[in-house]
């Protein structure tokens, strides 16, 4: 099996897994979804996952080590723009400009 075939098999398995999870979510009884704990979890789990993904992509390396580089400065710039209540596109632009400027130096 070549690397390209393995990649397509992984993509297909992931797509089937995502479809299965979606189908499983649709089969959950509505009464269970109306419970306050479930509502609170449904609101907080995506935030936790997004924060973990952001931290991993900002500070992670390919060798299971943490690194503080231009990406961290871009994240800090985005955080500062959010603090100033800037629009989303300005937040993204600030992060991109700071990261690119530090990488160019």
Foldseek 3Di string as FASTA:
>chain_A
DDPVVVVVVVVVVVVVVVVVVVVVVVPDDPVVCPDPVNVVCVVVVVVVVVVVVLLCVQQNDPPRGGDHAQQVVLVVQLVVCVVVVHDPVVSNVSSVVSSVVRVVD
